[in-house]
Amino acid sequence: MNAQPLAVPAALPARHQLGLWTLVVFGVGLMAPIIVLGTFGILAQTSRGEVPLAYIVALAAMLPTAISYALMARAYPVAGSSYSYVRKAVNSSLGFLTGWAILLDYLFMPLAVWLIGTAYLHSIVPSVPEPVWMLLFIAVTTAINVIGLKLAAGFNMLLVILQTLVLAAFVVLCAHYALGDATRPIFAAAAHGAPVPQLVLSGAAIACYSYLGFDAVSTLTEETRDPVRTVPPAIILVTLVGGLLFIGTSYFVQLAHPSFDFADADAASTEIARNIGGDAFVLVFLLGLVIGQFASGIAAQTSVSRLLYALGRDGVLSRSFFGRLSARFGTPVPAIGLSAAIALAGLRLDVQTSTSFINFGAFLTFILVNLSVIFHYWHALRRRGARAVLFFLLIPGFGMVADFALMVSLDHKALILGLSWLTLGIAYLAWLTGGFRRPPPELHVDDTPPIGAPAASAAPVRSGPAA
């Protein structure tokens, strides 16, 4: 799973120490390239075996949005990312709805993480029911976050290296398995007719889940040297590098398994791993995937607890419930408990619906960030000329259209849930603002105490929303 996009390492280097390539490694690590294996079966079934093409379409749709993030990071080098961009460039109400969409991602990201981990653990130990694995994930992760144990930066890097090695081994074995047979086509991974555009688009809507996190780089402004020059290209590079990894990996995996039929689509890569490397490699693959999921679950739940605490502290949500820290642990226990309770809904959801639901919030945020580029550069600054038309109208305009097209291609359950969430957000905004007569409370994303710090601490952390 890809919970990492919303997460921030527990230990960041001193302020103004991050350079371009450090940011790129950080961003790619947050995207968790191994997620391409975790969701391969779902994508293969949705796109009818056109997984690489779905990733290509997703990359083409994400690039304009990445450019918009880069442009806004240059205009507003602040940690609040999309929330701050829309609030400052458009208006506070749309900024609030951007934060509301981000909250959707934060709340349901742990659920998706644990669902994917549960599916793979159940595939290897089917005698243990899936709800048991799910409850175990939730209980252990919640306990760690309540106590306040943080993942050190070095451990995060170790996990990235482990996932990369497992991913590389998977690709090499897939290539060996497929290309070792002279009867297999090398440049035609799919052997089932021409792709169906609507199915590919539906697959791309899910594939975008893997790209979530390219914008997390924009939350590290205050830790970056010369952020106005460094952060924008880092956002673009992270998107391109991640896209190449996803497209290349999915191509070789589909080459090894051209069919889109699996015993369990949620855990399809276990079946493929057994075919290409035997039972021994299945254990290696599962070790890398589950450890990555476990770490991602910790990070995702940490992120949502930080955001909920900030919302409570600033009066956007109930101060008495969300805006307090445990006197013993210095952690927002009510917020952590709520995220665990929401994750229990995973006992009744599948991976596709949960990831699509998260993507709804991401696409809504992306649309608003693209809109903020037009408002800031074209409308407010009145930039004109050919270059302005390209970067401040056409690119963000295409990004908005692409994000909307992907949004409406999501699973219908996710659309219903997402629209219900948006409606609830608008109603809550109306209540907060007295019928839109006053601006909504502002979320201060730069001074949330780090999880595990004493309650009186106000040490800055990178808790800014990252769609």
Protein backbone atom coordinates (compact mmCIF):
# COMPACT_ATOMS: atom_id res chain seq x y z
CA MET A 1 0.00 0.00 0.00
CA ASN A 2 0.89 3.49 -0.37
CA ALA A 3 0.27 5.17 2.95
CA GLN A 4 3.60 6.78 2.87
CA PRO A 5 2.43 9.71 0.74
CA LEU A 6 0.56 11.13 3.66
CA ALA A 7 3.28 10.34 6.13
CA VAL A 8 6.31 12.25 7.24
CA PRO A 9 9.42 10.55 8.59
CA ALA A 10 9.74 10.81 12.34
CA ALA A 11 13.21 12.26 12.06
CA LEU A 12 13.96 14.87 9.44
CA PRO A 13 17.32 16.49 8.85
CA ALA A 14 17.99 19.94 10.27
CA ARG A 15 16.21 22.82 8.58
CA HIS A 16 17.41 23.86 5.14
CA GLN A 17 19.52 20.72 4.68
CA LEU A 18 17.59 18.83 2.02
CA GLY A 19 18.77 19.02 -1.57
CA LEU A 20 17.11 18.09 -4.86
CA TRP A 21 18.04 14.40 -5.01
CA THR A 22 17.41 13.89 -1.31
CA LEU A 23 13.89 15.16 -1.91
CA VAL A 24 13.48 12.87 -4.92
CA VAL A 25 14.56 9.80 -2.93
CA PHE A 26 12.25 10.87 -0.11
CA GLY A 27 9.30 11.32 -2.47
CA VAL A 28 9.81 8.06 -4.35
CA GLY A 29 10.17 6.26 -1.03
CA LEU A 30 6.86 7.69 0.13
CA MET A 31 5.20 6.44 -3.05
CA ALA A 32 6.35 2.92 -2.09
CA PRO A 33 7.08 1.40 -5.52
CA ILE A 34 6.21 -2.06 -4.21
CA ILE A 35 2.56 -0.98 -4.22
CA VAL A 36 2.49 -1.84 -7.93
CA LEU A 37 2.61 -5.49 -6.84
CA GLY A 38 0.09 -5.01 -4.06
CA THR A 39 -2.63 -3.75 -6.40
CA PHE A 40 -1.65 -5.56 -9.62
CA GLY A 41 -4.51 -8.08 -9.56
CA ILE A 42 -7.19 -5.43 -9.05
CA LEU A 43 -5.77 -3.32 -11.86
CA ALA A 44 -5.46 -6.33 -14.18
CA GLN A 45 -9.10 -7.28 -13.68
CA THR A 46 -10.39 -3.72 -13.96
CA SER A 47 -8.42 -2.93 -17.13
CA ARG A 48 -8.76 -6.48 -18.54
CA GLY A 49 -5.03 -7.09 -18.60
CA GLU A 50 -3.86 -3.60 -19.65
CA VAL A 51 -2.03 -2.68 -16.44
CA PRO A 52 1.01 -0.97 -18.04
CA LEU A 53 -1.28 1.10 -20.27
CA ALA A 54 -3.37 2.06 -17.25
CA TYR A 55 -0.21 3.32 -15.52
CA ILE A 56 0.79 5.26 -18.64
CA VAL A 57 -2.63 6.95 -18.76
CA ALA A 58 -2.39 7.68 -15.04
CA LEU A 59 1.07 9.24 -15.49
CA ALA A 60 -0.20 11.39 -18.37
CA ALA A 61 -3.02 12.58 -16.13
CA MET A 62 -0.81 13.17 -13.08
CA LEU A 63 1.94 15.12 -14.83
CA PRO A 64 -0.14 18.30 -15.41
CA THR A 65 -1.19 18.22 -11.77
CA ALA A 66 2.43 17.71 -10.70
CA ILE A 67 3.37 20.77 -12.77
CA SER A 68 0.59 22.73 -11.06
CA TYR A 69 1.90 21.67 -7.64
CA ALA A 70 5.39 22.77 -8.72
CA LEU A 71 4.08 26.17 -9.84
CA MET A 72 2.19 26.71 -6.59
CA ALA A 73 5.16 25.53 -4.51
CA ARG A 74 7.16 28.26 -6.22
CA ALA A 75 4.46 30.87 -5.56
CA TYR A 76 3.77 29.82 -1.96
CA PRO A 77 6.78 28.04 -0.40
CA VAL A 78 4.83 26.98 2.70
CA ALA A 79 4.30 23.63 4.36
CA GLY A 80 0.52 23.56 3.96
CA SER A 81 0.71 22.26 0.39
CA SER A 82 -2.65 22.02 -1.40
CA TYR A 83 -4.64 23.41 1.54
CA SER A 84 -2.54 26.59 1.64
CA TYR A 85 -2.38 26.94 -2.14
CA VAL A 86 -6.14 26.92 -2.63
CA ARG A 87 -6.86 29.02 0.46
CA LYS A 88 -4.40 31.74 -0.56
CA ALA A 89 -4.97 31.68 -4.33
CA VAL A 90 -8.74 31.15 -4.57
CA ASN A 91 -10.62 31.64 -1.29
CA SER A 92 -10.88 30.30 2.24
CA SER A 93 -14.04 28.27 1.63
CA LEU A 94 -12.51 26.27 -1.21
CA GLY A 95 -9.39 25.98 0.91
CA PHE A 96 -11.54 24.44 3.62
CA LEU A 97 -13.03 21.94 1.15
CA THR A 98 -9.49 21.09 0.01
CA GLY A 99 -8.63 20.32 3.62
CA TRP A 100 -11.85 18.31 3.87
CA ALA A 101 -10.84 16.24 0.83
CA ILE A 102 -7.39 15.74 2.36
CA LEU A 103 -9.05 14.55 5.58
CA LEU A 104 -10.83 11.87 3.55
CA ASP A 105 -7.45 10.60 2.32
CA TYR A 106 -5.99 10.68 5.81
CA LEU A 107 -8.91 8.90 7.47
CA PHE A 108 -9.13 6.04 4.99
CA MET A 109 -5.48 5.57 4.11
CA PRO A 110 -4.79 3.30 7.13
CA LEU A 111 -7.83 1.24 6.15
CA ALA A 112 -6.48 0.63 2.64
CA VAL A 113 -3.02 -0.18 4.01
CA TRP A 114 -4.31 -2.81 6.39
CA LEU A 115 -6.71 -4.29 3.82
CA ILE A 116 -3.88 -4.95 1.37
CA GLY A 117 -1.66 -6.42 4.08
CA THR A 118 -4.56 -8.57 5.31
CA ALA A 119 -5.28 -9.92 1.82
CA TYR A 120 -1.68 -11.07 1.36
CA LEU A 121 -1.32 -12.58 4.82
CA HIS A 122 -4.56 -14.49 4.34
CA SER A 123 -3.37 -15.74 0.95
CA ILE A 124 -0.37 -17.42 2.55
CA VAL A 125 -2.10 -18.53 5.79
CA PRO A 126 -5.72 -19.11 4.72
CA SER A 127 -6.50 -20.97 7.94
CA VAL A 128 -6.48 -17.62 9.74
CA PRO A 129 -9.64 -15.64 8.84
CA GLU A 130 -9.12 -12.23 7.24
CA PRO A 131 -10.87 -10.35 10.08
CA VAL A 132 -8.30 -11.75 12.51
CA TRP A 133 -5.38 -10.40 10.43
CA MET A 134 -7.19 -7.07 10.07
CA LEU A 135 -7.80 -6.74 13.80
CA LEU A 136 -4.18 -7.68 14.50
CA PHE A 137 -2.91 -4.95 12.14
CA ILE A 138 -5.20 -2.37 13.75
CA ALA A 139 -4.41 -3.36 17.33
CA VAL A 140 -0.62 -3.44 17.00
CA THR A 141 -0.39 -0.25 14.97
CA THR A 142 -2.75 1.63 17.27
CA ALA A 143 -0.84 0.53 20.37
CA ILE A 144 2.45 1.72 18.86
CA ASN A 145 1.00 5.10 17.91
CA VAL A 146 -0.62 5.61 21.32
CA ILE A 147 2.67 4.90 23.09
CA GLY A 148 4.35 7.28 20.69
CA LEU A 149 7.04 5.03 19.24
CA LYS A 150 8.42 6.64 16.07
CA LEU A 151 10.10 5.08 13.10
CA ALA A 152 13.59 6.48 12.89
CA ALA A 153 14.69 7.94 9.57
CA GLY A 154 17.33 5.22 9.24
CA PHE A 155 14.69 2.51 9.66
CA ASN A 156 12.54 4.22 7.04
CA MET A 157 15.46 4.12 4.64
CA LEU A 158 16.04 0.44 5.45
CA LEU A 159 12.42 -0.30 4.56
CA VAL A 160 12.76 1.57 1.27
CA ILE A 161 15.87 -0.44 0.42
CA LEU A 162 14.14 -3.71 1.35
CA GLN A 163 11.12 -2.93 -0.79
CA THR A 164 13.35 -1.92 -3.70
CA LEU A 165 15.32 -5.17 -3.50
CA VAL A 166 12.15 -7.28 -3.39
CA LEU A 167 10.69 -5.30 -6.29
CA ALA A 168 13.89 -5.72 -8.33
CA ALA A 169 13.97 -9.47 -7.63
CA PHE A 170 10.31 -9.75 -8.68
CA VAL A 171 10.97 -7.95 -11.98
CA VAL A 172 14.09 -10.02 -12.74
CA LEU A 173 12.27 -13.30 -12.06
CA CYS A 174 9.29 -12.17 -14.15
CA ALA A 175 11.61 -11.33 -17.06
CA HIS A 176 13.44 -14.64 -16.71
CA TYR A 177 10.16 -16.54 -16.48
CA ALA A 178 8.62 -14.85 -19.52
CA LEU A 179 11.61 -14.40 -21.80
CA GLY A 180 12.97 -17.86 -21.08
CA ASP A 181 10.15 -19.23 -23.22
CA ALA A 182 10.73 -18.44 -26.89
CA THR A 183 7.01 -18.84 -27.59
CA ARG A 184 6.11 -15.88 -25.39
CA PRO A 185 5.85 -12.46 -27.09
CA ILE A 186 8.35 -9.93 -25.74
CA PHE A 187 6.66 -6.70 -26.79
CA ALA A 188 3.06 -7.79 -26.40
CA ALA A 189 2.35 -8.36 -22.75
CA ALA A 190 -1.37 -8.73 -23.34
CA ALA A 191 -2.73 -11.30 -25.72
CA HIS A 192 -6.44 -10.61 -25.49
CA GLY A 193 -7.33 -8.09 -28.14
CA ALA A 194 -7.33 -4.31 -28.34
CA PRO A 195 -7.70 -2.37 -25.08
CA VAL A 196 -11.11 -0.96 -24.22
CA PRO A 197 -10.71 2.78 -23.52
CA GLN A 198 -13.28 2.91 -20.70
CA LEU A 199 -11.73 -0.10 -18.97
CA VAL A 200 -8.25 1.38 -19.29
CA LEU A 201 -9.53 4.67 -17.87
CA SER A 202 -11.12 2.82 -14.95
CA GLY A 203 -7.84 1.04 -14.38
CA ALA A 204 -5.96 4.35 -14.56
CA ALA A 205 -8.30 5.81 -11.92
CA ILE A 206 -7.16 3.06 -9.55
CA ALA A 207 -3.54 3.23 -10.73
CA CYS A 208 -3.39 6.85 -9.61
CA TYR A 209 -3.44 5.49 -6.06
CA SER A 210 0.19 4.51 -6.63
CA TYR A 211 1.11 8.08 -7.57
CA LEU A 212 -0.30 9.64 -4.41
CA GLY A 213 2.60 11.22 -2.61
CA PHE A 214 4.39 13.09 -5.37
CA ASP A 215 3.09 16.24 -3.71
CA ALA A 216 4.40 15.30 -0.25
CA VAL A 217 7.68 16.89 -1.28
CA SER A 218 5.92 20.27 -1.12
CA THR A 219 5.43 19.85 2.65
CA LEU A 220 9.22 19.90 3.22
CA THR A 221 9.76 23.52 2.26
CA GLU A 222 11.34 24.58 5.53
CA GLU A 223 13.81 21.68 5.49
CA THR A 224 14.98 22.39 1.94
CA ARG A 225 17.84 24.53 0.68
CA ASP A 226 16.52 27.23 -1.65
CA PRO A 227 13.00 25.71 -1.73
CA VAL A 228 11.72 28.01 -4.50
CA ARG A 229 14.28 26.50 -6.88
CA THR A 230 14.53 22.99 -5.41
CA VAL A 231 11.01 21.83 -4.51
CA PRO A 232 9.29 22.37 -7.93
CA PRO A 233 11.70 20.19 -9.98
CA ALA A 234 11.70 17.59 -7.19
CA ILE A 235 7.90 17.25 -7.51
CA ILE A 236 8.18 16.67 -11.27
CA LEU A 237 11.09 14.23 -10.94
CA VAL A 238 9.32 12.19 -8.26
CA THR A 239 6.28 11.86 -10.51
CA LEU A 240 8.36 10.80 -13.53
CA VAL A 241 10.61 8.37 -11.63
CA GLY A 242 7.63 6.81 -9.87
CA GLY A 243 5.76 6.53 -13.16
CA LEU A 244 8.67 4.80 -14.89
CA LEU A 245 8.98 2.34 -12.01
CA PHE A 246 5.26 1.54 -12.07
CA ILE A 247 5.07 1.19 -15.86
CA GLY A 248 8.23 -0.90 -16.14
CA THR A 249 7.38 -3.19 -13.25
CA SER A 250 3.78 -3.76 -14.34
CA TYR A 251 4.95 -4.54 -17.89
CA PHE A 252 7.24 -7.36 -16.78
CA VAL A 253 4.72 -8.69 -14.28
CA GLN A 254 2.02 -8.77 -16.94
CA LEU A 255 4.48 -10.36 -19.33
CA ALA A 256 4.87 -13.20 -16.83
CA HIS A 257 1.10 -13.39 -16.25
CA PRO A 258 -0.80 -12.10 -19.34
CA SER A 259 -4.14 -13.29 -17.98
CA PHE A 260 -6.32 -11.21 -15.69
CA ASP A 261 -7.76 -14.27 -13.96
CA PHE A 262 -6.61 -14.86 -10.39
CA ALA A 263 -7.74 -17.01 -7.51
CA ASP A 264 -7.79 -13.83 -5.40
CA ALA A 265 -7.32 -10.50 -7.20
CA ASP A 266 -6.55 -8.70 -3.91
CA ALA A 267 -3.49 -10.94 -3.44
CA ALA A 268 -2.67 -11.73 -7.07
CA SER A 269 1.06 -11.10 -6.74
CA THR A 270 1.37 -14.04 -4.35
CA GLU A 271 0.14 -16.31 -7.14
CA ILE A 272 2.56 -14.73 -9.62
CA ALA A 273 5.45 -14.89 -7.14
CA ARG A 274 4.87 -18.63 -6.71
CA ASN A 275 4.88 -19.17 -10.47
CA ILE A 276 8.12 -17.28 -11.09
CA GLY A 277 10.11 -18.18 -7.97
CA GLY A 278 8.44 -20.98 -6.05
CA ASP A 279 7.36 -21.08 -2.43
CA ALA A 280 10.70 -19.75 -1.16
CA PHE A 281 10.33 -16.54 -3.14
CA VAL A 282 6.71 -16.18 -2.02
CA LEU A 283 7.96 -15.90 1.56
CA VAL A 284 10.57 -13.30 0.57
CA PHE A 285 7.99 -11.31 -1.36
CA LEU A 286 5.45 -11.41 1.45
CA LEU A 287 8.09 -10.39 3.97
CA GLY A 288 8.90 -7.27 1.98
CA LEU A 289 5.27 -6.43 1.27
CA VAL A 290 3.90 -6.98 4.77
CA ILE A 291 6.75 -5.15 6.50
CA GLY A 292 6.15 -2.27 4.11
CA GLN A 293 2.41 -2.38 4.87
CA PHE A 294 3.04 -2.45 8.61
CA ALA A 295 5.36 0.55 8.46
CA SER A 296 2.91 2.33 6.16
CA GLY A 297 0.08 1.67 8.58
CA ILE A 298 2.03 3.24 11.43
CA ALA A 299 2.85 6.28 9.29
CA ALA A 300 -0.69 6.66 7.95
CA GLN A 301 -2.28 6.50 11.39
CA THR A 302 0.32 8.92 12.74
CA SER A 303 -0.56 11.35 9.95
CA VAL A 304 -4.30 11.23 10.50
CA SER A 305 -3.90 11.67 14.24
CA ARG A 306 -1.76 14.77 13.65
CA LEU A 307 -4.29 16.26 11.28
CA LEU A 308 -7.27 15.54 13.53
CA TYR A 309 -5.41 17.03 16.48
CA ALA A 310 -4.63 20.17 14.46
CA LEU A 311 -8.28 20.45 13.40
CA GLY A 312 -9.39 20.14 17.03
CA ARG A 313 -6.78 22.58 18.32
CA ASP A 314 -7.81 25.21 15.75
CA GLY A 315 -11.53 24.79 16.44
CA VAL A 316 -12.42 23.21 13.11
CA LEU A 317 -13.42 20.06 15.01
CA SER A 318 -14.33 19.60 18.69
CA ARG A 319 -11.49 20.92 20.89
CA SER A 320 -12.60 18.85 23.87
CA PHE A 321 -12.26 15.59 21.93
CA PHE A 322 -9.66 16.12 19.21
CA GLY A 323 -7.67 19.07 20.52
CA ARG A 324 -5.94 17.41 23.46
CA LEU A 325 -2.96 15.15 23.98
CA SER A 326 -2.55 12.29 26.43
CA ALA A 327 -0.86 13.50 29.62
CA ARG A 328 1.03 10.21 29.86
CA PHE A 329 2.09 9.61 26.26
CA GLY A 330 1.84 13.05 24.68
CA THR A 331 -0.18 11.59 21.80
CA PRO A 332 -3.69 12.44 20.53
CA VAL A 333 -5.30 9.25 21.81
CA PRO A 334 -8.91 10.16 20.83
CA ALA A 335 -7.81 10.87 17.23
CA ILE A 336 -5.82 7.63 17.07
CA GLY A 337 -8.79 5.71 18.45
CA LEU A 338 -11.13 7.24 15.87
CA SER A 339 -8.83 6.21 13.01
CA ALA A 340 -8.79 2.66 14.38
CA ALA A 341 -12.58 2.63 14.63
CA ILE A 342 -12.94 3.83 11.03
CA ALA A 343 -10.53 1.11 9.93
CA LEU A 344 -12.91 -1.47 11.37
CA ALA A 345 -15.10 -0.63 8.39
CA GLY A 346 -12.47 -2.53 6.42
CA LEU A 347 -14.08 -5.72 7.65
CA ARG A 348 -16.89 -4.94 5.19
CA LEU A 349 -14.96 -3.31 2.33
CA ASP A 350 -12.59 -4.59 -0.33
CA VAL A 351 -9.29 -3.14 -1.52
CA GLN A 352 -10.71 -1.67 -4.74
CA THR A 353 -13.48 0.28 -3.01
CA SER A 354 -11.21 1.59 -0.27
CA THR A 355 -8.47 2.75 -2.65
CA SER A 356 -11.04 4.28 -5.00
CA PHE A 357 -12.59 6.14 -2.08
CA ILE A 358 -9.18 7.60 -1.21
CA ASN A 359 -8.64 8.53 -4.85
CA PHE A 360 -11.90 10.50 -4.85
CA GLY A 361 -10.46 12.83 -2.20
CA ALA A 362 -7.15 13.02 -4.06
CA PHE A 363 -8.76 13.88 -7.41
CA LEU A 364 -10.93 16.56 -5.79
CA THR A 365 -7.79 18.08 -4.24
CA PHE A 366 -5.90 17.88 -7.54
CA ILE A 367 -8.72 19.67 -9.37
CA LEU A 368 -8.63 22.51 -6.85
CA VAL A 369 -4.83 22.83 -7.02
CA ASN A 370 -5.00 23.11 -10.81
CA LEU A 371 -7.69 25.76 -10.35
CA SER A 372 -5.44 27.66 -7.95
CA VAL A 373 -2.77 27.97 -10.67
CA ILE A 374 -5.26 29.68 -12.98
CA PHE A 375 -6.47 31.98 -10.21
CA HIS A 376 -3.01 32.93 -8.99
CA TYR A 377 -1.00 33.33 -12.19
CA TRP A 378 -3.61 34.14 -14.83
CA HIS A 379 -6.22 35.99 -12.80
CA ALA A 380 -4.37 37.65 -9.90
CA LEU A 381 -0.94 38.25 -11.46
CA ARG A 382 -2.39 38.68 -14.96
CA ARG A 383 0.44 36.81 -16.62
CA ARG A 384 0.04 36.83 -20.40
CA GLY A 385 1.85 35.56 -23.46
CA ALA A 386 2.35 32.15 -25.09
CA ARG A 387 4.20 30.67 -22.12
CA ALA A 388 1.51 31.91 -19.74
CA VAL A 389 -1.23 30.38 -21.89
CA LEU A 390 0.59 27.04 -21.82
CA PHE A 391 1.53 26.87 -18.13
CA PHE A 392 -1.22 28.91 -16.50
CA LEU A 393 -4.23 27.92 -18.62
CA LEU A 394 -3.72 24.86 -20.83
CA ILE A 395 -1.73 22.62 -18.47
CA PRO A 396 -3.85 23.23 -15.35
CA GLY A 397 -6.98 23.12 -17.50
CA PHE A 398 -5.99 19.73 -18.91
CA GLY A 399 -5.11 18.59 -15.40
CA MET A 400 -8.58 19.52 -14.16
CA VAL A 401 -10.28 17.69 -17.03
CA ALA A 402 -8.07 14.61 -16.62
CA ASP A 403 -8.59 14.49 -12.85
CA PHE A 404 -12.36 14.86 -13.28
CA ALA A 405 -12.44 12.11 -15.94
CA LEU A 406 -10.55 9.77 -13.63
CA MET A 407 -12.79 10.70 -10.71
CA VAL A 408 -16.00 9.76 -12.54
CA SER A 409 -14.35 6.47 -13.65
CA LEU A 410 -13.97 5.30 -10.06
CA ASP A 411 -15.89 2.43 -8.53
CA HIS A 412 -19.55 3.46 -8.16
CA LYS A 413 -19.52 2.74 -4.42
CA ALA A 414 -16.54 5.05 -4.04
CA LEU A 415 -18.36 7.76 -5.99
CA ILE A 416 -21.40 7.50 -3.73
CA LEU A 417 -19.25 7.59 -0.59
CA GLY A 418 -17.09 10.40 -1.97
CA LEU A 419 -20.03 12.59 -2.98
CA SER A 420 -21.62 11.95 0.41
CA TRP A 421 -18.38 13.04 2.07
CA LEU A 422 -18.26 16.20 -0.07
CA THR A 423 -21.89 17.00 0.73
CA LEU A 424 -21.20 16.55 4.42
CA GLY A 425 -18.19 18.88 4.11
CA ILE A 426 -20.25 21.60 2.43
CA ALA A 427 -22.94 21.31 5.11
CA TYR A 428 -20.32 21.47 7.87
CA LEU A 429 -18.71 24.50 6.21
CA ALA A 430 -22.09 26.22 6.10
CA TRP A 431 -22.55 25.57 9.82
CA LEU A 432 -19.04 26.76 10.71
CA THR A 433 -19.42 29.97 8.72
CA GLY A 434 -22.99 30.82 9.71
CA GLY A 435 -24.35 30.17 6.26
CA PHE A 436 -21.15 31.24 4.48
CA ARG A 437 -21.29 34.73 6.08
CA ARG A 438 -17.82 34.51 7.70
CA PRO A 439 -14.55 32.78 6.78
CA PRO A 440 -13.91 29.28 8.14
CA PRO A 441 -11.32 28.71 10.88
CA GLU A 442 -7.78 28.53 9.54
CA LEU A 443 -5.78 25.36 10.03
CA HIS A 444 -2.23 26.10 11.22
CA VAL A 445 -0.22 23.25 9.78
CA ASP A 446 3.22 24.34 10.98
CA ASP A 447 2.97 24.06 14.74
CA THR A 448 1.39 20.70 15.51
CA PRO A 449 3.32 18.92 18.26
CA PRO A 450 5.00 15.77 16.97
CA ILE A 451 3.38 12.54 17.98
CA GLY A 452 5.05 11.26 21.09
CA ALA A 453 6.27 14.69 22.23
CA PRO A 454 5.22 16.04 25.63
CA ALA A 455 1.87 17.75 25.53
CA ALA A 456 3.41 21.13 26.22
CA SER A 457 5.77 20.87 23.29
CA ALA A 458 5.12 22.87 20.16
CA ALA A 459 8.04 21.69 18.09
CA PRO A 460 7.36 22.23 14.40
CA VAL A 461 6.76 19.14 12.29
CA ARG A 462 5.80 18.62 8.70
CA SER A 463 2.15 17.89 9.26
CA GLY A 464 0.89 19.83 6.31
CA PRO A 465 -1.76 18.15 4.20
CA ALA A 466 -0.50 16.24 1.21
CA ALA A 467 -3.37 15.00 -0.91
